[in-house]
């Protein structure tokens, strides 16, 4: 119920966004009002093979198009640095697609970003097939501090179910072992909630993942967009697992037994460091690349979902924004509240400082929840109870499933 409600709310929101074309001059004016501490997200939409489970914007790797795309990214990064000069970017996340589809091109993109924004904490997603001694050296030289490797599963049958053809389970494990200890943070991504999962099999798989020597493991639930949800319902398979709560409990217990603490309901770490979900630490962020989403000052924008159209936009006007709109203060406050809860923290004074009387209304509902399910840490609460973690997981999955509706629409319409 929580997932369904959150997905419906976000799908209605992104429906409005899809009907709001970006005005180039207004977009530049909005960016000029950005100030303070920001994150930066760059999207690389190319993959050597496309996975069925993935709802992110991705296209088959085309070297010629990627060369044009890389040049467009450089131009858009310059535009962002100049237009949003008040934004002090300190962290960069590169996602996809497959950012490591061309590791040398990726290193050039990172160098361009650093030339405009200065020193950055850099996190990069990687396919296990791309993790070699050579690629690790290139990424380390480029300043990458966190490498996130998309294993998805340590069972070949489950990889086949997910349509993940780029590597085997053994190759994924080998990539994790090869990278472990060679960056300040090495994360591996795992998927759960397929029809092959049971609490027992998932417990064993989680134990395998947590034994690979990496400092961080993120267990993502399946988050199908509207199209795949319809297909799953027609097949009588969901859209979510009938034993979902037991599956999540198996992950939570296994991680705790092995000394991994939750940074979010999905991400478990042995030490503090960057995590996959940059929105937890940066609720305002710039965005570059096809389908990338940026926001601040009640303004949200999304770039073209089509890489060719994105390149054309940037070549003509310096940026790739295709849709943009201002949101209401209460929408901004709800977004902030959701990211704070997803980060398992609630700071009543900070909420009221940001939103005044509106923050007081939100605190009236959320602060008692945080007190009930968390521990006091100075002026804030750290949410720790398994029940709350599961509920927040349901909420965040619904939010991301709603965003997947936007991506599905964008790829279908080539907006």
Protein backbone atom coordinates (compact mmCIF):
# COMPACT_ATOMS: atom_id res chain seq x y z
CA UNK A 1 0.00 0.00 0.00
CA UNK A 2 2.82 2.45 0.88
CA UNK A 3 4.64 1.68 -2.38
CA UNK A 4 1.48 2.00 -4.46
CA UNK A 5 0.49 5.32 -2.87
CA UNK A 6 3.97 6.83 -3.28
CA UNK A 7 4.16 5.69 -6.91
CA UNK A 8 0.78 7.25 -7.71
CA UNK A 9 1.73 10.60 -6.15
CA UNK A 10 5.01 10.76 -8.05
CA UNK A 11 3.46 9.59 -11.32
CA UNK A 12 0.99 12.48 -11.14
CA UNK A 13 3.85 14.87 -10.44
CA UNK A 14 5.95 13.63 -13.36
CA UNK A 15 2.86 13.81 -15.54
CA UNK A 16 2.83 17.56 -14.92
CA UNK A 17 6.55 17.75 -15.61
CA UNK A 18 6.16 15.89 -18.91
CA UNK A 19 3.68 18.57 -20.03
CA UNK A 20 6.03 21.47 -19.15
CA UNK A 21 8.54 22.18 -21.95
CA UNK A 22 11.73 23.91 -20.84
CA UNK A 23 12.18 27.51 -21.97
CA UNK A 24 15.91 28.04 -22.71
CA UNK A 25 16.03 31.61 -21.38
CA UNK A 26 14.01 30.85 -18.26
CA UNK A 27 16.18 27.80 -17.64
CA UNK A 28 19.36 29.88 -17.66
CA UNK A 29 17.72 32.47 -15.39
CA UNK A 30 16.66 29.76 -12.93
CA UNK A 31 20.19 28.35 -12.76
CA UNK A 32 21.58 31.79 -11.99
CA UNK A 33 19.60 31.73 -8.73
CA UNK A 34 21.19 28.46 -7.60
CA UNK A 35 23.55 28.90 -4.65
CA UNK A 36 25.03 26.86 -1.84
CA UNK A 37 26.33 23.31 -1.62
CA UNK A 38 25.36 21.14 -4.60
CA UNK A 39 25.86 17.68 -6.02
CA UNK A 40 26.36 17.00 -9.73
CA UNK A 41 24.97 14.01 -11.63
CA UNK A 42 26.19 12.98 -15.09
CA UNK A 43 24.36 10.31 -17.09
CA UNK A 44 26.10 8.06 -19.62
CA UNK A 45 23.24 6.25 -21.42
CA UNK A 46 25.20 3.68 -23.42
CA UNK A 47 25.41 -0.07 -22.75
CA UNK A 48 26.88 -2.99 -24.66
CA UNK A 49 23.77 -5.02 -23.83
CA UNK A 50 20.43 -3.87 -22.42
CA UNK A 51 19.02 -5.55 -19.30
CA UNK A 52 15.31 -6.26 -18.90
CA UNK A 53 15.15 -5.21 -15.25
CA UNK A 54 16.69 -1.76 -15.75
CA UNK A 55 14.36 1.24 -15.90
CA UNK A 56 17.06 3.85 -16.43
CA UNK A 57 17.56 5.51 -19.80
CA UNK A 58 19.95 3.36 -21.83
CA UNK A 59 20.74 2.75 -25.48
CA UNK A 60 23.05 0.39 -27.41
CA UNK A 61 26.65 1.61 -27.43
CA UNK A 62 27.45 3.60 -30.58
CA UNK A 63 31.09 4.81 -30.60
CA UNK A 64 30.42 7.58 -33.14
CA UNK A 65 27.42 8.92 -31.20
CA UNK A 66 29.36 8.65 -27.94
CA UNK A 67 32.08 10.91 -29.35
CA UNK A 68 29.45 13.57 -30.10
CA UNK A 69 27.83 12.93 -26.72
CA UNK A 70 31.12 13.42 -24.88
CA UNK A 71 31.65 16.77 -26.62
CA UNK A 72 28.09 17.79 -25.73
CA UNK A 73 28.67 16.89 -22.09
CA UNK A 74 31.76 19.09 -22.02
CA UNK A 75 29.73 21.98 -23.42
CA UNK A 76 26.85 21.47 -20.99
CA UNK A 77 29.21 21.25 -18.02
CA UNK A 78 30.70 24.59 -19.04
CA UNK A 79 27.19 26.04 -19.32
CA UNK A 80 26.26 24.79 -15.85
CA UNK A 81 29.44 26.14 -14.28
CA UNK A 82 28.87 29.58 -15.79
CA UNK A 83 25.09 29.84 -15.37
CA UNK A 84 24.98 28.34 -11.86
CA UNK A 85 28.13 30.01 -10.59
CA UNK A 86 26.62 30.31 -7.11
CA UNK A 87 26.36 26.52 -6.83
CA UNK A 88 29.36 25.08 -5.00
CA UNK A 89 29.61 21.52 -6.32
CA UNK A 90 31.59 19.15 -4.11
CA UNK A 91 30.46 15.69 -5.20
CA UNK A 92 29.99 14.07 -8.62
CA UNK A 93 28.03 10.91 -9.37
CA UNK A 94 28.27 9.27 -12.79
CA UNK A 95 25.55 6.75 -13.60
CA UNK A 96 24.03 5.04 -16.57
CA UNK A 97 23.67 3.12 -18.67
CA UNK A 98 27.24 1.96 -18.32
CA UNK A 99 29.70 4.79 -17.56
CA UNK A 100 32.65 2.40 -17.97
CA UNK A 101 31.65 1.37 -21.50
CA UNK A 102 34.67 3.50 -22.55
CA UNK A 103 36.81 4.11 -19.49
CA UNK A 104 39.21 6.49 -21.25
CA UNK A 105 36.35 8.66 -22.50
CA UNK A 106 34.95 8.63 -18.97
CA UNK A 107 38.28 9.85 -17.59
CA UNK A 108 38.18 12.76 -20.05
CA UNK A 109 34.66 13.65 -18.90
CA UNK A 110 35.78 13.60 -15.26
CA UNK A 111 38.71 15.88 -16.10
CA UNK A 112 36.33 18.36 -17.75
CA UNK A 113 34.06 18.35 -14.69
CA UNK A 114 37.00 18.99 -12.36
CA UNK A 115 38.26 21.80 -14.58
CA UNK A 116 34.96 23.63 -14.08
CA UNK A 117 34.02 22.73 -10.51
CA UNK A 118 37.35 22.08 -8.78
CA UNK A 119 38.00 19.24 -6.40
CA UNK A 120 35.19 16.67 -6.37
CA UNK A 121 34.38 13.49 -4.48
CA UNK A 122 33.67 11.21 -7.43
CA UNK A 123 31.50 8.08 -7.56
CA UNK A 124 31.26 6.00 -10.75
CA UNK A 125 29.08 3.04 -11.66
CA UNK A 126 30.76 0.12 -13.45
CA UNK A 127 29.80 -3.10 -15.18
CA UNK A 128 31.77 -6.11 -13.86
CA UNK A 129 32.92 -6.86 -17.42
CA UNK A 130 34.77 -3.53 -17.44
CA UNK A 131 36.60 -3.98 -14.13
CA UNK A 132 40.23 -4.80 -14.92
CA UNK A 133 43.59 -3.76 -13.53
CA UNK A 134 43.87 -1.29 -16.42
CA UNK A 135 40.44 0.30 -15.90
CA UNK A 136 41.00 0.53 -12.15
CA UNK A 137 44.26 2.39 -12.75
CA UNK A 138 42.58 4.78 -15.19
CA UNK A 139 39.75 5.52 -12.77
CA UNK A 140 42.07 6.01 -9.80
CA UNK A 141 44.21 8.40 -11.85
CA UNK A 142 41.03 10.32 -12.77
CA UNK A 143 40.23 10.83 -9.09
CA UNK A 144 37.45 8.28 -8.55
CA UNK A 145 36.91 7.65 -4.83
CA UNK A 146 33.94 5.33 -5.00
CA UNK A 147 33.46 2.53 -7.52
CA UNK A 148 30.00 0.95 -7.62
CA UNK A 149 29.97 -2.39 -9.46
CA UNK A 150 26.64 -3.72 -10.74
CA UNK A 151 26.82 -7.42 -9.92
CA UNK A 152 22.99 -7.63 -9.54
CA UNK A 153 23.18 -11.32 -8.57
CA UNK A 154 25.62 -14.04 -7.61
CA UNK A 155 23.40 -16.73 -9.16
CA UNK A 156 23.55 -17.33 -12.91
CA UNK A 157 19.88 -18.37 -13.05
CA UNK A 158 18.86 -15.06 -11.47
CA UNK A 159 21.07 -13.09 -13.87
CA UNK A 160 19.27 -14.85 -16.73
CA UNK A 161 15.90 -13.98 -15.17
CA UNK A 162 16.99 -10.33 -15.04
CA UNK A 163 18.21 -10.40 -18.64
CA UNK A 164 21.72 -9.55 -17.44
CA UNK A 165 23.89 -11.02 -20.22
CA UNK A 166 27.07 -8.99 -19.80
CA UNK A 167 28.73 -11.21 -17.20
CA UNK A 168 28.38 -14.40 -15.19
CA UNK A 169 28.02 -14.64 -11.43
CA UNK A 170 31.63 -15.80 -11.14
CA UNK A 171 32.85 -12.87 -13.23
CA UNK A 172 30.91 -10.47 -11.04
CA UNK A 173 32.45 -11.88 -7.88
CA UNK A 174 35.91 -11.71 -9.43
CA UNK A 175 35.39 -8.03 -10.36
CA UNK A 176 34.39 -7.22 -6.77
CA UNK A 177 37.45 -8.99 -5.36
CA UNK A 178 39.72 -7.26 -7.87
CA UNK A 179 38.47 -3.78 -6.92
CA UNK A 180 38.18 -4.35 -3.16
CA UNK A 181 40.56 -2.15 -1.20
CA UNK A 182 41.71 -0.16 -4.24
CA UNK A 183 39.34 2.78 -3.77
CA UNK A 184 38.26 4.48 -0.53
CA UNK A 185 34.82 2.94 -1.13
CA UNK A 186 33.92 -0.06 -3.27
CA UNK A 187 30.21 -0.85 -3.50
CA UNK A 188 28.43 -3.69 -5.21
CA UNK A 189 24.80 -3.46 -6.32
CA UNK A 190 22.49 -6.44 -5.89
CA UNK A 191 18.88 -6.92 -6.99
CA UNK A 192 16.20 -8.66 -4.97
CA UNK A 193 12.51 -9.37 -5.38
CA UNK A 194 12.58 -11.63 -8.44
CA UNK A 195 10.30 -14.64 -8.64
CA UNK A 196 13.35 -16.86 -8.00
CA UNK A 197 14.01 -15.31 -4.58
CA UNK A 198 12.99 -16.91 -1.30
CA UNK A 199 14.05 -15.77 2.16
CA UNK A 200 16.47 -18.71 2.36
CA UNK A 201 18.07 -18.21 -1.07
CA UNK A 202 18.30 -14.45 -0.58
CA UNK A 203 19.94 -14.88 2.81
CA UNK A 204 22.59 -17.10 1.20
CA UNK A 205 23.10 -14.67 -1.67
CA UNK A 206 23.38 -11.69 0.68
CA UNK A 207 25.95 -13.57 2.75
CA UNK A 208 27.97 -14.26 -0.41
CA UNK A 209 27.84 -10.60 -1.44
CA UNK A 210 28.87 -9.43 2.02
CA UNK A 211 31.82 -11.83 2.03
CA UNK A 212 33.50 -10.44 -1.12
CA UNK A 213 35.65 -7.98 0.82
CA UNK A 214 34.00 -4.73 -0.27
CA UNK A 215 33.07 -2.06 2.24
CA UNK A 216 29.56 -1.44 0.98
CA UNK A 217 26.71 -3.46 -0.54
CA UNK A 218 23.48 -1.94 -1.87
CA UNK A 219 20.47 -4.25 -2.20
CA UNK A 220 18.02 -2.70 -4.66
CA UNK A 221 14.47 -4.02 -4.91
CA UNK A 222 13.00 -4.53 -8.34
CA UNK A 223 11.33 -1.24 -9.32
CA UNK A 224 9.37 -1.83 -12.53
CA UNK A 225 7.92 1.07 -14.47
CA UNK A 226 4.25 1.13 -15.52
CA UNK A 227 4.79 -0.95 -18.66
CA UNK A 228 6.61 -3.78 -16.91
CA UNK A 229 4.19 -3.64 -13.96
CA UNK A 230 1.34 -4.25 -16.39
CA UNK A 231 3.16 -7.20 -17.94
CA UNK A 232 3.91 -8.69 -14.53
CA UNK A 233 0.29 -8.39 -13.44
CA UNK A 234 -0.85 -10.10 -16.64
CA UNK A 235 1.54 -12.96 -15.84
CA UNK A 236 0.29 -13.07 -12.25
CA UNK A 237 3.69 -12.10 -10.90
CA UNK A 238 3.38 -9.02 -8.83
CA UNK A 239 4.41 -6.29 -9.39
CA UNK A 240 6.13 -7.12 -6.09
CA UNK A 241 7.11 -10.30 -4.36
CA UNK A 242 4.49 -11.98 -2.12
CA UNK A 243 7.19 -12.53 0.55
CA UNK A 244 8.68 -9.06 0.26
CA UNK A 245 8.82 -8.30 3.98
CA UNK A 246 10.51 -11.62 4.74
CA UNK A 247 12.99 -11.04 1.91
CA UNK A 248 13.89 -7.63 3.28
CA UNK A 249 14.23 -9.06 6.77
CA UNK A 250 16.68 -11.65 5.46
CA UNK A 251 18.87 -8.91 3.98
CA UNK A 252 18.71 -6.74 7.10
CA UNK A 253 19.58 -9.57 9.46
CA UNK A 254 22.40 -10.91 7.28
CA UNK A 255 24.00 -7.49 6.91
CA UNK A 256 23.79 -6.83 10.65
CA UNK A 257 25.33 -10.22 11.48
CA UNK A 258 28.34 -9.35 9.32
CA UNK A 259 28.94 -5.88 10.74
CA UNK A 260 27.33 -3.80 8.00
CA UNK A 261 25.16 -0.89 9.17
CA UNK A 262 22.35 0.66 7.09
CA UNK A 263 23.13 4.04 5.52
CA UNK A 264 19.70 3.82 3.86
CA UNK A 265 17.19 0.96 3.92
CA UNK A 266 19.07 -0.50 0.92
CA UNK A 267 22.73 0.47 1.38
CA UNK A 268 24.83 -1.27 4.03
CA UNK A 269 28.35 -0.10 4.89
CA UNK A 270 31.18 -1.03 7.22
CA UNK A 271 32.48 2.55 7.29
CA UNK A 272 31.20 6.02 6.45
CA UNK A 273 31.54 7.13 2.83
CA UNK A 274 29.76 8.02 -0.38
CA UNK A 275 26.65 5.98 -1.18
CA UNK A 276 24.66 5.33 -4.36
CA UNK A 277 21.87 7.72 -3.48
CA UNK A 278 23.43 11.16 -3.76
CA UNK A 279 20.03 12.75 -3.00
CA UNK A 280 20.46 11.71 0.64
CA UNK A 281 23.36 14.09 1.23
CA UNK A 282 22.55 16.62 -1.51
CA UNK A 283 18.88 17.47 -1.87
CA UNK A 284 19.85 20.06 -4.53
CA UNK A 285 21.92 19.09 -7.53
CA UNK A 286 22.94 20.00 -11.05
CA UNK A 287 22.55 17.48 -13.84
CA UNK A 288 24.21 16.85 -17.20
CA UNK A 289 23.57 14.25 -19.87
CA UNK A 290 20.50 12.62 -21.38
CA UNK A 291 17.61 12.12 -18.91
CA UNK A 292 19.54 13.70 -16.02
CA UNK A 293 17.38 15.54 -13.46
CA UNK A 294 18.46 18.67 -11.57
CA UNK A 295 16.71 20.75 -8.93
CA UNK A 296 16.96 23.69 -6.53
CA UNK A 297 14.94 26.74 -5.43
CA UNK A 298 11.65 24.99 -6.20
CA UNK A 299 12.83 24.52 -9.80
CA UNK A 300 13.24 21.09 -11.40
CA UNK A 301 14.47 20.20 -14.87
CA UNK A 302 15.09 17.06 -16.87
CA UNK A 303 17.25 16.76 -19.97
CA UNK A 304 16.18 15.14 -23.22
CA UNK A 305 15.84 11.38 -22.95
CA UNK A 306 17.19 10.76 -26.45
CA UNK A 307 21.00 11.01 -26.76
CA UNK A 308 20.89 12.30 -30.34
CA UNK A 309 18.32 14.94 -29.46
CA UNK A 310 20.28 15.80 -26.31
CA UNK A 311 23.41 16.41 -28.41
CA UNK A 312 21.41 18.59 -30.82
CA UNK A 313 19.97 20.64 -27.95
CA UNK A 314 23.40 21.24 -26.41
CA UNK A 315 25.00 22.14 -29.74
CA UNK A 316 22.27 24.74 -30.36
CA UNK A 317 21.76 26.27 -26.91
CA UNK A 318 24.39 24.96 -24.51
CA UNK A 319 22.21 22.66 -22.40
CA UNK A 320 19.97 19.64 -22.82
CA UNK A 321 16.91 20.63 -20.74
CA UNK A 322 13.71 19.35 -22.35
CA UNK A 323 11.21 19.71 -19.51
CA UNK A 324 11.23 22.08 -16.53
CA UNK A 325 8.85 23.63 -14.01
CA UNK A 326 8.60 25.32 -10.65
CA UNK A 327 7.07 23.32 -7.84
CA UNK A 328 5.01 24.41 -4.85
CA UNK A 329 6.68 24.92 -1.45
CA UNK A 330 4.79 21.95 -0.02
CA UNK A 331 6.08 19.73 -2.85
CA UNK A 332 9.63 20.83 -2.15
CA UNK A 333 9.13 20.16 1.55
CA UNK A 334 7.74 16.69 0.92
CA UNK A 335 10.70 15.91 -1.33
CA UNK A 336 13.12 17.04 1.36
CA UNK A 337 11.26 14.98 3.97
CA UNK A 338 11.40 11.85 1.82
CA UNK A 339 15.15 12.16 1.23
CA UNK A 340 15.79 12.80 4.92
CA UNK A 341 13.81 9.71 5.89
CA UNK A 342 15.53 7.65 3.21
CA UNK A 343 18.82 8.72 4.76
CA UNK A 344 17.43 7.43 8.10
CA UNK A 345 17.70 10.78 9.83
CA UNK A 346 15.26 13.43 10.98
CA UNK A 347 16.32 16.84 12.26
CA UNK A 348 13.26 18.81 13.46
CA UNK A 349 15.09 22.13 13.81
CA UNK A 350 16.51 21.89 10.29
CA UNK A 351 13.06 21.17 8.84
CA UNK A 352 11.59 24.23 10.57
CA UNK A 353 14.58 26.39 9.59
CA UNK A 354 14.03 25.51 5.95
CA UNK A 355 10.26 25.62 5.76
CA UNK A 356 8.96 27.67 8.72
CA UNK A 357 5.28 27.02 9.52
CA UNK A 358 5.14 24.36 6.79
CA UNK A 359 8.05 22.62 8.48
CA UNK A 360 6.18 22.71 11.78
CA UNK A 361 3.25 20.91 10.14
CA UNK A 362 5.54 18.23 8.73
CA UNK A 363 7.29 17.83 12.07
CA UNK A 364 3.96 17.29 13.76
CA UNK A 365 3.60 14.08 11.74
CA UNK A 366 7.16 12.90 11.22
CA UNK A 367 8.98 13.84 14.44
CA UNK A 368 6.88 11.45 16.62
CA UNK A 369 7.59 8.68 14.08
CA UNK A 370 11.32 9.41 14.26
CA UNK A 371 11.24 9.39 18.08
CA UNK A 372 9.34 6.10 18.12
CA UNK A 373 11.60 4.32 15.62
CA UNK A 374 14.93 6.03 16.20
CA UNK A 375 17.61 7.13 18.61
CA UNK A 376 18.45 10.69 19.59
CA UNK A 377 21.71 11.95 18.07
CA UNK A 378 22.20 15.54 19.18
CA UNK A 379 19.41 17.67 17.66
CA UNK A 380 18.42 14.85 15.26
CA UNK A 381 17.06 11.31 15.30
CA UNK A 382 18.70 8.30 13.68
CA UNK A 383 16.01 5.86 12.51
CA UNK A 384 17.00 2.32 13.47
CA UNK A 385 13.99 0.04 13.91
CA UNK A 386 13.58 -2.77 11.33
CA UNK A 387 9.88 -1.93 10.99
CA UNK A 388 10.64 1.69 10.04
CA UNK A 389 13.41 0.66 7.63
CA UNK A 390 10.98 -1.62 5.83
CA UNK A 391 8.31 1.10 5.65
CA UNK A 392 10.82 3.65 4.32
CA UNK A 393 11.99 1.07 1.77
CA UNK A 394 8.38 0.78 0.57
CA UNK A 395 8.04 4.56 0.33
CA UNK A 396 11.28 5.06 -1.59
CA UNK A 397 10.61 2.22 -3.97
CA UNK A 398 7.27 3.82 -4.80
CA UNK A 399 8.95 7.18 -5.43
CA UNK A 400 11.49 5.62 -7.77
CA UNK A 401 8.83 3.59 -9.55
CA UNK A 402 7.00 6.85 -10.16
CA UNK A 403 10.17 8.37 -11.62
CA UNK A 404 10.50 5.29 -13.81
CA UNK A 405 7.19 6.30 -15.37
CA UNK A 406 8.87 9.53 -16.51
CA UNK A 407 11.83 7.64 -17.98
CA UNK A 408 9.52 5.17 -19.71
CA UNK A 409 7.54 8.02 -21.23
CA UNK A 410 10.68 9.88 -22.28
CA UNK A 411 12.21 6.88 -24.03
CA UNK A 412 8.93 5.99 -25.73
CA UNK A 413 8.33 9.50 -27.04
CA UNK A 414 12.02 10.28 -27.66
CA UNK A 415 11.46 13.60 -25.88
